[in-house]
Amino acid sequence: MSKSLIQKYNVPGPRYTSYPTVPYWNEILFSIEEWKISFQKSFLESNSQNGISLYIHLPFCESLCTFCGCNKRITKNHSVEEKYIIAVLKEWSIYCGLASERPIIKEIHLGGGTPTFFSSDNLEKLINGIFSLADKAESHEFSFEGHPNNTTYEQLKKLYNLGFRRVSFGVQDYAEKVQKAIHRIQPFHNVAKVTFWAKEIGYTSIGHDIIFGLPFQTIENIVDTIEKTNSLKPDRLAFYSYAHTPWIKGNGQRGFNEADLPKDIEKRTLYETGKNLLSQNGYHEIGMDHFALASDSLYKAGHNGELHRNFMGYSSSKTQLMIGLGVSAISDSWYSFAQNTKRLEEYYQLLECDQLPVVKGHILDKEDLIIRKHILNLTCQFETSWNDKAFYFDELQSVLSDLKELENDNLVIIEENRIKITDAGRPFVRNICMAFDLHLKRKSPETNLFSMTV
């Protein structure tokens, strides 16, 4: 990849886990009542056909990782577990009270924070509480994020018995200097131990998360991390760019200096080096910054054109309705987004008053829904089309005009009713999506909002 292309297109841009992106949500037109109506509509349309998804945010961590931009609460006091689970189950009961029938759950993802902060008994209490009011879909897919330093055999076994078959472990990088900078000291043998435990128990999809662009990270570090990863042979990998956003309040990204971060061509070389090594070891690139063995469901979904992307990341199956439970969690009815308060104390207070802890959201209009579909196509299939008139929108010609320069750089192919991202254009998917982002084009941000695209 040429240095000039990286310098040209490495600009701040969204990651497109949603469209519109959160900074462009219209909170004036949103209300909790509108969200409830949207939830009920989507539930009626989807529950009996495909089931629904749950994302459950478990925010507690014992220590602060300085690379992390997630919503979390740092504590070593594990007495917080029970109160939080009671609150999440209360929130779930409110949603079930709005539903027209007993929910059928196709997907669950436990994210954080650190889900394995919670004891195995409390994780069991949480999941059993969810299913006291719901049923499991026949082909369900349950997953959770595990911290290699504190995930126990008992947690893995108990969640397996509850129906979980996918687990992802946060690795980031194995270099000691990098680990110290990001405050994530994590020996290789800890990752190996939990990976082998998961395989022994019977998990069918084990994932590792690796980050490039971390402070002090070198090509040698990436090679070492990928080689160690290959020795454990996880089924899938998230190999993604470090999103440096220190201006976001409370995200903790202040443990190192800007000068310590690899930038531009240096940073991208870290990714290309890792990507080539993964390819040599049987991993296939799926979507943006994800890789999977041919035996994994993520590869099969990508190969069959069934890959989906939402706030939980890439998924091998799709549900129309995703409910986010827990502090800061985001829900998606397809027609609307709703986000819970990020303040734990307010989360508890609202639920004690029998209120959903939703504090903001966005109702998608017709244009939003069309653009959302195009961006999903680009991020999942690397192409999109408007052969169907339902996918045409008034500003399409302006979008195609904005893509001309990327076409001249051989990053996209523009046809009469379709655009296709070239292999050379895949690293610039976010830039290509930005051409479709009408909210962003109509109002450029005046302050720092997004991480760099490349």
Protein backbone atom coordinates (compact mmCIF):
# COMPACT_ATOMS: atom_id res chain seq x y z
CA MET A 1 0.00 0.00 0.00
CA SER A 2 1.46 3.33 -1.01
CA LYS A 3 2.39 5.91 1.60
CA SER A 4 0.60 8.59 -0.42
CA LEU A 5 -2.74 6.71 -0.25
CA ILE A 6 -2.47 6.28 3.50
CA GLN A 7 -1.64 9.95 4.02
CA LYS A 8 -4.48 10.91 1.70
CA TYR A 9 -7.22 8.80 3.28
CA ASN A 10 -6.11 8.44 6.90
CA VAL A 11 -8.65 10.88 8.33
CA PRO A 12 -11.00 10.76 11.33
CA GLY A 13 -14.03 8.64 10.54
CA PRO A 14 -16.72 6.43 12.12
CA ARG A 15 -16.40 2.66 12.56
CA TYR A 16 -19.98 2.19 11.37
CA THR A 17 -21.30 -0.20 13.98
CA SER A 18 -24.50 1.77 13.28
CA TYR A 19 -25.96 4.24 10.84
CA PRO A 20 -26.58 7.00 11.67
CA THR A 21 -23.54 7.01 13.95
CA VAL A 22 -24.18 7.94 17.58
CA PRO A 23 -22.97 11.59 17.35
CA TYR A 24 -25.58 12.19 14.63
CA TRP A 25 -28.58 10.75 16.43
CA ASN A 26 -31.55 13.15 16.47
CA GLU A 27 -32.40 13.18 20.16
CA ILE A 28 -35.06 15.88 19.73
CA LEU A 29 -37.37 13.54 17.78
CA PHE A 30 -36.62 10.59 20.08
CA SER A 31 -38.59 9.62 23.17
CA ILE A 32 -38.84 6.50 25.31
CA GLU A 33 -42.46 6.11 24.21
CA GLU A 34 -41.37 6.15 20.55
CA TRP A 35 -38.70 3.59 21.40
CA LYS A 36 -41.25 1.31 23.06
CA ILE A 37 -43.49 1.48 19.98
CA SER A 38 -40.51 0.69 17.74
CA PHE A 39 -39.50 -2.21 20.00
CA GLN A 40 -43.00 -3.68 19.92
CA LYS A 41 -43.25 -3.37 16.13
CA SER A 42 -39.92 -5.08 15.58
CA PHE A 43 -40.68 -7.76 18.17
CA LEU A 44 -43.95 -8.63 16.38
CA GLU A 45 -42.17 -8.87 13.03
CA SER A 46 -39.18 -10.92 14.15
CA ASN A 47 -39.60 -12.92 17.35
CA SER A 48 -41.49 -15.94 15.99
CA GLN A 49 -39.52 -15.99 12.72
CA ASN A 50 -35.85 -15.48 13.67
CA GLY A 51 -35.84 -14.72 17.38
CA ILE A 52 -34.12 -11.75 18.98
CA SER A 53 -30.63 -10.91 20.26
CA LEU A 54 -29.46 -9.73 23.65
CA TYR A 55 -26.31 -7.76 24.36
CA ILE A 56 -25.62 -7.65 28.10
CA HIS A 57 -23.06 -5.11 29.26
CA LEU A 58 -21.11 -6.17 32.37
CA PRO A 59 -19.04 -3.09 33.18
CA PHE A 60 -16.79 -4.03 36.08
CA CYS A 61 -13.00 -4.45 35.76
CA GLU A 62 -10.41 -4.96 38.49
CA SER A 63 -7.87 -2.68 36.79
CA LEU A 64 -7.84 -0.01 34.07
CA CYS A 65 -6.43 -0.90 30.64
CA THR A 66 -5.28 2.38 29.10
CA PHE A 67 -6.06 1.33 25.50
CA CYS A 68 -9.74 0.77 26.28
CA GLY A 69 -12.51 3.16 25.24
CA CYS A 70 -15.37 1.07 26.67
CA ASN A 71 -17.72 2.09 29.46
CA LYS A 72 -16.43 0.46 32.64
CA ARG A 73 -16.27 0.76 36.42
CA ILE A 74 -12.95 -0.10 38.08
CA THR A 75 -13.26 -1.97 41.38
CA LYS A 76 -11.91 -4.99 43.22
CA ASN A 77 -15.08 -5.19 45.30
CA HIS A 78 -17.00 -8.20 44.00
CA SER A 79 -20.00 -7.51 46.21
CA VAL A 80 -21.20 -5.25 43.36
CA GLU A 81 -22.07 -8.29 41.25
CA GLU A 82 -25.38 -9.26 42.84
CA LYS A 83 -26.92 -5.76 42.80
CA TYR A 84 -26.02 -5.33 39.15
CA ILE A 85 -27.51 -8.68 38.10
CA ILE A 86 -30.75 -7.85 39.93
CA ALA A 87 -30.90 -4.55 38.02
CA VAL A 88 -30.25 -6.17 34.61
CA LEU A 89 -32.95 -8.76 35.24
CA LYS A 90 -35.33 -5.98 36.28
CA GLU A 91 -34.62 -4.19 32.97
CA TRP A 92 -35.22 -7.45 31.09
CA SER A 93 -38.53 -7.96 32.89
CA ILE A 94 -39.69 -4.50 31.74
CA TYR A 95 -38.97 -5.42 28.12
CA CYS A 96 -40.73 -8.76 28.52
CA GLY A 97 -43.74 -6.88 29.88
CA LEU A 98 -43.85 -4.85 26.66
CA ALA A 99 -43.58 -7.95 24.45
CA SER A 100 -46.66 -9.53 22.93
CA GLU A 101 -45.44 -13.07 23.60
CA ARG A 102 -42.62 -14.97 25.27
CA PRO A 103 -39.28 -13.92 23.68
CA ILE A 104 -37.26 -16.45 21.68
CA ILE A 105 -33.56 -15.68 22.04
CA LYS A 106 -31.29 -16.49 19.12
CA GLU A 107 -28.15 -14.63 20.22
CA ILE A 108 -26.65 -13.53 23.53
CA HIS A 109 -23.37 -11.71 23.88
CA LEU A 110 -21.85 -10.82 27.25
CA GLY A 111 -19.54 -7.83 26.81
CA GLY A 112 -17.77 -5.40 29.05
CA GLY A 113 -15.97 -4.29 31.02
CA THR A 114 -14.96 -7.78 32.02
CA PRO A 115 -17.74 -10.38 32.00
CA THR A 116 -15.42 -12.85 33.75
CA PHE A 117 -15.21 -10.39 36.66
CA PHE A 118 -18.47 -12.08 37.71
CA SER A 119 -18.36 -15.41 39.52
CA SER A 120 -19.58 -18.52 37.74
CA ASP A 121 -22.56 -18.73 40.12
CA ASN A 122 -23.58 -15.15 39.37
CA LEU A 123 -23.19 -15.65 35.62
CA GLU A 124 -25.46 -18.69 35.96
CA LYS A 125 -27.96 -16.61 37.98
CA LEU A 126 -27.96 -13.99 35.23
CA ILE A 127 -28.57 -16.41 32.37
CA ASN A 128 -31.14 -18.47 34.25
CA GLY A 129 -32.92 -15.23 35.14
CA ILE A 130 -33.05 -14.26 31.45
CA PHE A 131 -34.55 -17.63 30.50
CA SER A 132 -37.11 -17.63 33.29
CA LEU A 133 -38.93 -15.21 30.96
CA ALA A 134 -37.75 -16.46 27.55
CA ASP A 135 -37.00 -19.51 25.42
CA LYS A 136 -33.90 -20.49 23.44
CA ALA A 137 -34.07 -20.57 19.66
CA GLU A 138 -33.18 -23.95 18.18
CA SER A 139 -30.05 -22.66 16.43
CA HIS A 140 -28.96 -20.20 19.10
CA GLU A 141 -25.49 -18.65 19.32
CA PHE A 142 -24.33 -17.46 22.74
CA SER A 143 -20.94 -15.83 23.25
CA PHE A 144 -18.95 -13.94 25.86
CA GLU A 145 -15.72 -12.02 26.30
CA GLY A 146 -13.17 -13.49 28.69
CA HIS A 147 -10.12 -11.93 30.32
CA PRO A 148 -7.35 -14.55 30.16
CA ASN A 149 -6.04 -13.52 33.58
CA ASN A 150 -9.25 -14.21 35.47
CA THR A 151 -11.31 -16.63 33.37
CA THR A 152 -11.69 -19.86 35.32
CA TYR A 153 -12.39 -23.41 34.19
CA GLU A 154 -15.58 -23.30 36.26
CA GLN A 155 -16.83 -20.18 34.42
CA LEU A 156 -16.12 -21.76 31.02
CA LYS A 157 -17.81 -25.01 32.02
CA LYS A 158 -20.87 -23.37 33.56
CA LEU A 159 -21.47 -21.06 30.58
CA TYR A 160 -21.00 -24.02 28.22
CA ASN A 161 -23.68 -25.92 30.12
CA LEU A 162 -25.94 -22.87 29.74
CA GLY A 163 -25.62 -23.00 25.94
CA PHE A 164 -22.55 -20.85 25.22
CA ARG A 165 -20.35 -22.15 22.42
CA ARG A 166 -18.31 -19.08 21.48
CA VAL A 167 -15.77 -17.20 23.59
CA SER A 168 -13.33 -14.43 22.71
CA PHE A 169 -10.23 -13.65 24.74
CA GLY A 170 -8.59 -10.22 24.74
CA VAL A 171 -4.92 -10.64 23.86
CA GLN A 172 -3.96 -7.23 22.36
CA ASP A 173 -0.16 -7.89 22.16
CA TYR A 174 2.34 -10.16 23.89
CA ALA A 175 5.27 -7.70 24.08
CA GLU A 176 6.08 -6.76 27.67
CA LYS A 177 6.82 -3.09 26.83
CA VAL A 178 3.47 -2.73 25.05
CA GLN A 179 1.61 -4.49 27.87
CA LYS A 180 3.13 -2.15 30.45
CA ALA A 181 2.16 0.91 28.39
CA ILE A 182 -1.47 -0.21 28.10
CA HIS A 183 -1.56 -1.55 31.69
CA ARG A 184 -2.51 -5.04 30.58
CA ILE A 185 0.12 -7.46 31.89
CA GLN A 186 -0.93 -10.80 30.47
CA PRO A 187 1.51 -13.70 30.03
CA PHE A 188 1.15 -16.00 27.03
CA HIS A 189 0.64 -19.03 29.27
CA ASN A 190 -2.56 -17.46 30.68
CA VAL A 191 -3.99 -17.14 27.17
CA ALA A 192 -2.84 -20.67 26.28
CA LYS A 193 -4.41 -22.09 29.44
CA VAL A 194 -7.91 -20.63 28.88
CA THR A 195 -7.78 -21.44 25.14
CA PHE A 196 -6.98 -25.11 25.82
CA TRP A 197 -9.64 -25.24 28.54
CA ALA A 198 -12.25 -23.92 26.12
CA LYS A 199 -11.23 -26.48 23.49
CA GLU A 200 -11.31 -29.30 26.05
CA ILE A 201 -14.79 -28.31 27.27
CA GLY A 202 -16.14 -28.24 23.70
CA TYR A 203 -16.43 -24.60 22.60
CA THR A 204 -16.83 -24.59 18.83
CA SER A 205 -15.61 -21.05 18.16
CA ILE A 206 -12.72 -19.62 20.17
CA GLY A 207 -11.59 -16.13 19.27
CA HIS A 208 -8.62 -13.91 20.13
CA ASP A 209 -8.63 -10.11 19.93
CA ILE A 210 -5.39 -8.48 18.76
CA ILE A 211 -4.80 -4.75 18.33
CA PHE A 212 -2.34 -3.01 16.02
CA GLY A 213 -1.20 0.57 16.48
CA LEU A 214 -0.57 0.30 20.23
CA PRO A 215 2.15 2.38 21.91
CA PHE A 216 5.71 1.15 21.29
CA GLN A 217 4.43 -1.66 19.05
CA THR A 218 6.85 -2.83 16.34
CA ILE A 219 6.75 -5.25 13.42
CA GLU A 220 8.73 -7.71 15.55
CA ASN A 221 6.01 -7.52 18.21
CA ILE A 222 3.29 -8.23 15.65
CA VAL A 223 5.21 -11.19 14.21
CA ASP A 224 5.74 -12.63 17.69
CA THR A 225 2.09 -12.13 18.67
CA ILE A 226 0.78 -13.72 15.47
CA GLU A 227 3.18 -16.66 15.75
CA LYS A 228 2.11 -17.28 19.34
CA THR A 229 -1.53 -16.94 18.28
CA ASN A 230 -1.06 -19.45 15.46
CA SER A 231 0.42 -21.94 17.90
CA LEU A 232 -2.92 -21.90 19.77
CA LYS A 233 -5.01 -21.91 16.56
CA PRO A 234 -8.11 -19.98 17.64
CA ASP A 235 -11.04 -20.35 15.24
CA ARG A 236 -11.38 -16.62 14.57
CA LEU A 237 -9.55 -13.37 15.22
CA ALA A 238 -10.39 -9.72 15.53
CA PHE A 239 -7.25 -7.89 14.39
CA TYR A 240 -8.23 -4.28 14.59
CA SER A 241 -6.82 -0.80 14.78
CA TYR A 242 -6.30 0.88 18.12
CA ALA A 243 -8.81 3.74 18.28
CA HIS A 244 -7.03 6.61 19.99
CA THR A 245 -9.76 8.87 21.39
CA PRO A 246 -8.33 10.45 24.58
CA TRP A 247 -10.80 13.34 24.33
CA ILE A 248 -13.71 11.08 25.32
CA LYS A 249 -14.36 11.59 29.01
CA GLY A 250 -13.52 8.65 31.23
CA ASN A 251 -12.08 6.29 28.61
CA GLY A 252 -8.67 6.16 30.32
CA GLN A 253 -6.52 6.59 27.20
CA ARG A 254 -3.94 8.81 28.85
CA GLY A 255 -1.31 6.30 29.98
CA PHE A 256 1.15 7.16 27.22
CA ASN A 257 2.17 9.99 24.91
CA GLU A 258 0.97 10.62 21.37
CA ALA A 259 4.57 10.26 20.17
CA ASP A 260 4.63 6.65 21.43
CA LEU A 261 2.02 5.56 18.87
CA PRO A 262 2.93 4.21 15.41
CA LYS A 263 1.30 6.34 12.72
CA ASP A 264 0.31 6.31 9.04
CA ILE A 265 2.41 3.91 6.95
CA GLU A 266 4.20 2.54 10.03
CA LYS A 267 0.88 1.63 11.64
CA ARG A 268 -0.58 0.16 8.47
CA THR A 269 2.54 -1.95 7.94
CA LEU A 270 1.84 -3.59 11.30
CA TYR A 271 -1.56 -4.69 9.97
CA GLU A 272 -0.32 -5.84 6.57
CA THR A 273 2.44 -7.86 8.25
CA GLY A 274 -0.04 -9.55 10.56
CA LYS A 275 -2.55 -10.10 7.77
CA ASN A 276 0.04 -11.85 5.58
CA LEU A 277 1.09 -14.13 8.43
CA LEU A 278 -2.52 -15.00 9.20
CA SER A 279 -3.18 -15.77 5.54
CA GLN A 280 -0.17 -18.08 5.44
CA ASN A 281 -1.61 -19.96 8.43
CA GLY A 282 -5.05 -20.61 6.98
CA TYR A 283 -6.99 -17.55 8.18
CA HIS A 284 -9.33 -15.78 5.77
CA GLU A 285 -10.06 -12.05 5.98
CA ILE A 286 -13.75 -11.45 6.77
CA GLY A 287 -15.30 -8.00 6.66
CA MET A 288 -13.21 -5.28 8.29
CA ASP A 289 -10.28 -6.47 10.42
CA HIS A 290 -11.67 -9.95 11.13
CA PHE A 291 -10.20 -13.33 10.24
CA ALA A 292 -11.48 -16.89 10.53
CA LEU A 293 -10.53 -20.45 9.68
CA ALA A 294 -12.61 -22.06 6.92
CA SER A 295 -14.26 -24.28 9.55
CA ASP A 296 -15.64 -21.33 11.54
CA SER A 297 -19.21 -20.04 11.17
CA LEU A 298 -17.93 -16.49 10.53
CA TYR A 299 -16.06 -17.62 7.42
CA LYS A 300 -19.07 -19.57 6.19
CA ALA A 301 -21.36 -16.57 6.69
CA GLY A 302 -18.96 -14.33 4.79
CA HIS A 303 -18.58 -16.87 2.00
CA ASN A 304 -22.37 -17.33 1.69
CA GLY A 305 -23.19 -13.61 1.78
CA GLU A 306 -24.90 -13.92 5.18
CA LEU A 307 -22.47 -11.86 7.28
CA HIS A 308 -24.10 -9.26 9.53
CA ARG A 309 -22.71 -6.37 11.58
CA ASN A 310 -24.15 -4.48 14.55
CA PHE A 311 -23.08 -3.07 17.91
CA MET A 312 -21.88 -6.55 18.92
CA GLY A 313 -19.53 -6.65 15.91
CA TYR A 314 -19.68 -9.19 13.06
CA SER A 315 -22.13 -12.06 13.37
CA SER A 316 -22.78 -15.20 11.36
CA SER A 317 -26.54 -14.78 11.83
CA LYS A 318 -28.92 -11.84 11.75
CA THR A 319 -31.77 -10.79 13.98
CA GLN A 320 -33.86 -7.71 13.36
CA LEU A 321 -34.20 -6.84 17.04
CA MET A 322 -31.28 -6.53 19.45
CA ILE A 323 -31.92 -5.49 23.04
CA GLY A 324 -29.05 -3.99 25.00
CA LEU A 325 -29.24 -4.63 28.74
CA GLY A 326 -27.03 -2.96 31.32
CA VAL A 327 -25.40 0.41 31.81
CA SER A 328 -24.49 2.19 28.50
CA ALA A 329 -25.88 -0.70 26.39
CA ILE A 330 -27.39 0.16 23.00
CA SER A 331 -30.54 -1.46 21.59
CA ASP A 332 -31.46 -1.70 17.91
CA SER A 333 -34.96 -2.40 16.60
CA TRP A 334 -33.81 -1.75 13.00
CA TYR A 335 -36.18 1.23 12.94
CA SER A 336 -34.69 2.89 16.01
CA PHE A 337 -31.66 2.97 18.34
CA ALA A 338 -31.82 3.47 22.10
CA GLN A 339 -28.94 3.84 24.54
CA ASN A 340 -28.99 3.35 28.29
CA THR A 341 -27.44 5.82 30.68
CA LYS A 342 -23.67 5.52 31.10
CA ARG A 343 -23.92 6.40 34.80
CA LEU A 344 -24.28 3.33 36.99
CA GLU A 345 -26.03 5.19 39.80
CA GLU A 346 -28.63 6.62 37.40
CA TYR A 347 -29.10 3.17 35.88
CA TYR A 348 -30.05 1.80 39.30
CA GLN A 349 -32.28 4.77 40.15
CA LEU A 350 -34.33 4.56 36.95
CA LEU A 351 -34.93 0.83 37.35
CA GLU A 352 -35.95 1.28 41.00
CA CYS A 353 -38.66 3.60 39.60
CA ASP A 354 -39.72 0.87 37.12
CA GLN A 355 -38.43 2.93 34.19
CA LEU A 356 -36.32 1.78 31.27
CA PRO A 357 -32.84 3.32 31.75
CA VAL A 358 -32.82 4.70 28.18
CA VAL A 359 -31.54 8.28 27.98
CA LYS A 360 -31.08 8.88 24.24
CA GLY A 361 -31.70 7.38 20.84
CA HIS A 362 -32.64 7.93 17.22
CA ILE A 363 -35.68 7.12 15.09
CA LEU A 364 -34.54 6.19 11.58
CA ASP A 365 -36.37 7.83 8.69
CA LYS A 366 -36.72 6.36 5.18
CA GLU A 367 -33.41 7.83 4.01
CA ASP A 368 -31.59 6.51 7.10
CA LEU A 369 -32.87 2.99 6.44
CA ILE A 370 -31.69 3.03 2.82
CA ILE A 371 -28.23 4.38 3.67
CA ARG A 372 -27.95 1.93 6.58
CA LYS A 373 -28.48 -0.96 4.18
CA HIS A 374 -25.82 0.32 1.77
CA ILE A 375 -23.27 0.72 4.58
CA LEU A 376 -24.05 -2.77 5.89
CA ASN A 377 -23.51 -4.16 2.39
CA LEU A 378 -20.17 -2.36 2.07
CA THR A 379 -18.86 -3.47 5.48
CA CYS A 380 -20.09 -7.07 5.15
CA GLN A 381 -19.96 -7.86 1.40
CA PHE A 382 -17.62 -5.12 0.07
CA GLU A 383 -20.20 -4.07 -2.50
CA THR A 384 -23.66 -2.57 -2.75
CA SER A 385 -26.23 -2.01 -5.45
CA TRP A 386 -29.39 -0.05 -6.26
CA ASN A 387 -30.87 -2.40 -8.90
CA ASP A 388 -33.87 -2.52 -6.62
CA LYS A 389 -35.48 0.93 -6.74
CA ALA A 390 -36.08 0.67 -3.00
CA PHE A 391 -32.34 1.24 -2.51
CA TYR A 392 -32.17 4.39 -4.63
CA PHE A 393 -32.01 7.76 -2.84
CA ASP A 394 -32.03 11.33 -4.08
CA GLU A 395 -28.38 12.12 -3.31
CA LEU A 396 -26.94 8.96 -4.88
CA GLN A 397 -25.35 10.84 -7.80
CA SER A 398 -23.58 13.14 -5.35
CA VAL A 399 -22.27 10.08 -3.47
CA LEU A 400 -20.99 8.54 -6.71
CA SER A 401 -19.31 11.83 -7.57
CA ASP A 402 -17.53 11.77 -4.19
CA LEU A 403 -16.38 8.21 -4.92
CA LYS A 404 -14.77 9.18 -8.23
CA GLU A 405 -11.45 9.98 -6.61
CA LEU A 406 -11.41 6.61 -4.85
CA GLU A 407 -12.21 5.02 -8.22
CA ASN A 408 -9.25 6.87 -9.77
CA ASP A 409 -7.08 5.40 -7.00
CA ASN A 410 -8.40 1.88 -7.88
CA LEU A 411 -10.12 1.50 -4.53
CA VAL A 412 -13.66 1.06 -5.89
CA ILE A 413 -15.27 0.02 -9.17
CA ILE A 414 -18.35 2.06 -10.09
CA GLU A 415 -20.84 0.36 -12.41
CA GLU A 416 -24.26 1.46 -13.62
CA ASN A 417 -26.18 0.14 -10.64
CA ARG A 418 -23.46 -1.10 -8.32
CA ILE A 419 -20.18 -0.25 -6.67
CA LYS A 420 -17.64 -2.83 -5.64
CA ILE A 421 -14.67 -2.38 -3.33
CA THR A 422 -11.44 -3.71 -4.83
CA ASP A 423 -8.91 -5.75 -2.86
CA ALA A 424 -6.75 -2.61 -2.71
CA GLY A 425 -9.74 -0.68 -1.39
CA ARG A 426 -10.55 -2.95 1.56
CA PRO A 427 -8.30 -1.06 4.00
CA PHE A 428 -10.31 2.07 3.12
CA VAL A 429 -13.81 0.67 3.73
CA ARG A 430 -14.55 3.32 6.33
CA ASN A 431 -13.63 6.09 3.88
CA ILE A 432 -15.93 4.55 1.26
CA CYS A 433 -18.78 4.34 3.77
CA MET A 434 -18.18 8.01 4.60
CA ALA A 435 -19.12 8.91 1.03
CA PHE A 436 -22.59 7.46 1.76
CA ASP A 437 -22.86 9.07 5.20
CA LEU A 438 -25.26 11.91 4.47
CA HIS A 439 -25.41 13.05 8.10
CA LEU A 440 -21.63 13.44 8.22
CA LYS A 441 -21.55 15.23 4.85
CA ARG A 442 -24.26 17.69 5.84
CA LYS A 443 -22.60 18.58 9.11
CA SER A 444 -18.87 18.02 9.50
CA PRO A 445 -17.80 17.65 13.15
CA GLU A 446 -16.36 20.77 14.73
CA THR A 447 -14.58 18.83 17.49
CA ASN A 448 -12.84 15.45 17.80
CA LEU A 449 -15.40 12.66 17.42
CA PHE A 450 -13.79 9.73 15.62
CA SER A 451 -10.56 7.76 15.48
CA MET A 452 -8.43 7.64 12.32
CA THR A 453 -9.73 5.43 9.48
CA VAL A 454 -6.55 3.59 8.42
